[in-house]
Amino acid sequence: MVSELRIAIVVRGEDLRFVAQQVADLGDGLMRVDGKRRQALCRGQATHGFFGAGRHDG
């Protein structure tokens, strides 16, 4: 059984809300923004954390 799930996604505008919900439902995720790969969501983190993560470099 897979203990960790990672997703690569490319989104913009309104699509981000839909994808944020999908990632929240699935667990761990990675988000690509402006060509940079970023940690999008950690397991158990609220959906609003998804949006905040995309605003930080690192």
N, C-alpha and C. Protein backbone atom coordinates (compact mmCIF):
# COMPACT_ATOMS: atom_id res chain seq x y z
N MET A 1 0.84 -1.20 0.00
CA MET A 1 0.00 0.00 0.00
C MET A 1 0.87 1.25 0.00
N VAL A 2 0.50 2.22 -0.79
CA VAL A 2 1.26 3.46 -0.89
C VAL A 2 0.96 4.34 0.32
N SER A 3 2.01 4.73 1.03
CA SER A 3 1.82 5.55 2.23
C SER A 3 1.85 7.04 1.92
N GLU A 4 2.33 7.39 0.73
CA GLU A 4 2.43 8.81 0.40
C GLU A 4 2.03 9.01 -1.06
N LEU A 5 1.26 10.05 -1.32
CA LEU A 5 0.80 10.35 -2.67
C LEU A 5 1.23 11.76 -3.04
N ARG A 6 1.87 11.89 -4.19
CA ARG A 6 2.29 13.22 -4.65
C ARG A 6 1.67 13.48 -6.02
N ILE A 7 1.30 14.73 -6.23
CA ILE A 7 0.63 15.12 -7.46
C ILE A 7 1.36 16.32 -8.06
N ALA A 8 1.61 16.29 -9.37
CA ALA A 8 2.15 17.46 -10.06
C ALA A 8 1.00 18.10 -10.82
N ILE A 9 0.77 19.39 -10.60
CA ILE A 9 -0.34 20.08 -11.23
C ILE A 9 0.09 21.43 -11.79
N VAL A 10 -0.58 21.86 -12.83
CA VAL A 10 -0.36 23.19 -13.39
C VAL A 10 -1.72 23.87 -13.44
N VAL A 11 -1.85 24.98 -12.73
CA VAL A 11 -3.14 25.66 -12.64
C VAL A 11 -2.97 27.17 -12.71
N ARG A 12 -4.08 27.84 -12.97
CA ARG A 12 -4.11 29.30 -12.91
C ARG A 12 -5.54 29.77 -12.73
N GLY A 13 -5.70 30.94 -12.14
CA GLY A 13 -7.01 31.54 -11.97
C GLY A 13 -7.99 30.70 -11.17
N GLU A 14 -9.21 30.59 -11.66
CA GLU A 14 -10.30 29.91 -10.97
C GLU A 14 -10.02 28.43 -10.72
N ASP A 15 -9.24 27.79 -11.60
CA ASP A 15 -8.95 26.37 -11.47
C ASP A 15 -8.27 26.04 -10.13
N LEU A 16 -7.56 27.00 -9.56
CA LEU A 16 -6.82 26.77 -8.32
C LEU A 16 -7.73 26.32 -7.19
N ARG A 17 -8.93 26.89 -7.10
CA ARG A 17 -9.85 26.51 -6.03
C ARG A 17 -10.25 25.05 -6.15
N PHE A 18 -10.55 24.61 -7.36
CA PHE A 18 -10.94 23.21 -7.58
C PHE A 18 -9.78 22.27 -7.26
N VAL A 19 -8.59 22.61 -7.75
CA VAL A 19 -7.42 21.76 -7.52
C VAL A 19 -7.07 21.71 -6.04
N ALA A 20 -7.19 22.84 -5.34
CA ALA A 20 -6.91 22.87 -3.91
C ALA A 20 -7.78 21.86 -3.18
N GLN A 21 -9.04 21.77 -3.53
CA GLN A 21 -9.94 20.82 -2.89
C GLN A 21 -9.53 19.39 -3.22
N GLN A 22 -9.14 19.14 -4.46
CA GLN A 22 -8.73 17.80 -4.86
C GLN A 22 -7.49 17.36 -4.10
N VAL A 23 -6.52 18.26 -3.99
CA VAL A 23 -5.28 17.94 -3.26
C VAL A 23 -5.58 17.71 -1.79
N ALA A 24 -6.45 18.53 -1.21
CA ALA A 24 -6.82 18.36 0.19
C ALA A 24 -7.44 16.98 0.41
N ASP A 25 -8.24 16.54 -0.53
CA ASP A 25 -8.89 15.24 -0.42
C ASP A 25 -7.89 14.10 -0.56
N LEU A 26 -6.84 14.29 -1.37
CA LEU A 26 -5.90 13.22 -1.68
C LEU A 26 -4.75 13.10 -0.70
N GLY A 27 -4.38 14.18 -0.04
CA GLY A 27 -3.28 14.10 0.92
C GLY A 27 -2.15 15.05 0.55
N ASP A 28 -0.93 14.52 0.40
CA ASP A 28 0.24 15.35 0.09
C ASP A 28 0.22 15.77 -1.37
N GLY A 29 0.65 16.98 -1.67
CA GLY A 29 0.67 17.44 -3.05
C GLY A 29 1.82 18.37 -3.35
N LEU A 30 2.16 18.44 -4.62
CA LEU A 30 3.14 19.40 -5.10
C LEU A 30 2.47 20.28 -6.14
N MET A 31 2.79 21.55 -6.14
CA MET A 31 2.17 22.48 -7.07
C MET A 31 3.26 23.19 -7.88
N ARG A 32 3.05 23.32 -9.18
CA ARG A 32 4.00 24.05 -10.03
C ARG A 32 3.40 25.42 -10.35
N VAL A 33 4.10 26.48 -9.94
CA VAL A 33 3.63 27.84 -10.17
C VAL A 33 4.74 28.62 -10.86
N ASP A 34 4.42 29.25 -11.98
CA ASP A 34 5.41 30.02 -12.73
C ASP A 34 6.67 29.20 -13.01
N GLY A 35 6.50 27.92 -13.30
CA GLY A 35 7.62 27.06 -13.63
C GLY A 35 8.42 26.57 -12.43
N LYS A 36 8.00 26.92 -11.21
CA LYS A 36 8.71 26.48 -10.01
C LYS A 36 7.88 25.45 -9.26
N ARG A 37 8.54 24.40 -8.83
CA ARG A 37 7.85 23.35 -8.10
C ARG A 37 7.81 23.72 -6.62
N ARG A 38 6.62 23.66 -6.02
CA ARG A 38 6.46 24.08 -4.63
C ARG A 38 5.65 23.06 -3.86
N GLN A 39 5.93 22.94 -2.58
CA GLN A 39 5.10 22.09 -1.73
C GLN A 39 3.75 22.76 -1.58
N ALA A 40 2.69 22.06 -1.92
CA ALA A 40 1.37 22.66 -1.92
C ALA A 40 0.61 22.38 -0.64
N LEU A 41 0.67 21.17 -0.16
CA LEU A 41 -0.17 20.81 0.98
C LEU A 41 0.45 19.65 1.73
N CYS A 42 0.50 19.73 3.04
CA CYS A 42 0.98 18.64 3.87
C CYS A 42 -0.21 17.87 4.42
N ARG A 43 -0.01 16.59 4.66
CA ARG A 43 -1.09 15.73 5.16
C ARG A 43 -1.71 16.35 6.42
N GLY A 44 -3.04 16.46 6.44
CA GLY A 44 -3.74 16.98 7.60
C GLY A 44 -3.84 18.50 7.65
N GLN A 45 -3.19 19.19 6.71
CA GLN A 45 -3.23 20.66 6.71
C GLN A 45 -4.54 21.13 6.09
N ALA A 46 -5.07 22.22 6.59
CA ALA A 46 -6.32 22.77 6.06
C ALA A 46 -6.11 23.28 4.63
N THR A 47 -7.18 23.34 3.87
CA THR A 47 -7.10 23.75 2.47
C THR A 47 -6.49 25.14 2.32
N HIS A 48 -6.74 26.06 3.26
CA HIS A 48 -6.20 27.41 3.12
C HIS A 48 -4.68 27.39 3.12
N GLY A 49 -4.06 26.37 3.70
CA GLY A 49 -2.61 26.24 3.68
C GLY A 49 -2.07 26.04 2.28
N PHE A 50 -2.88 25.45 1.42
CA PHE A 50 -2.51 25.23 0.02
C PHE A 50 -2.22 26.56 -0.67
N PHE A 51 -3.09 27.54 -0.45
CA PHE A 51 -2.93 28.84 -1.08
C PHE A 51 -1.71 29.57 -0.51
N GLY A 52 -1.51 29.50 0.79
CA GLY A 52 -0.38 30.17 1.42
C GLY A 52 0.95 29.60 0.99
N ALA A 53 1.02 28.29 0.79
CA ALA A 53 2.27 27.64 0.43
C ALA A 53 2.80 28.14 -0.91
N GLY A 54 1.90 28.44 -1.84
CA GLY A 54 2.31 28.90 -3.16
C GLY A 54 2.91 30.29 -3.16
N ARG A 55 2.78 31.00 -2.06
CA ARG A 55 3.29 32.37 -2.00
C ARG A 55 4.70 32.46 -1.44
N HIS A 56 5.28 31.34 -1.03
CA HIS A 56 6.59 31.34 -0.39
C HIS A 56 7.62 30.64 -1.26
N ASP A 57 8.80 31.22 -1.37
CA ASP A 57 9.89 30.57 -2.09
C ASP A 57 10.57 29.58 -1.16
N GLY A 58 11.18 28.56 -1.77
CA GLY A 58 11.89 27.62 -0.93
C GLY A 58 11.53 26.28 -1.29
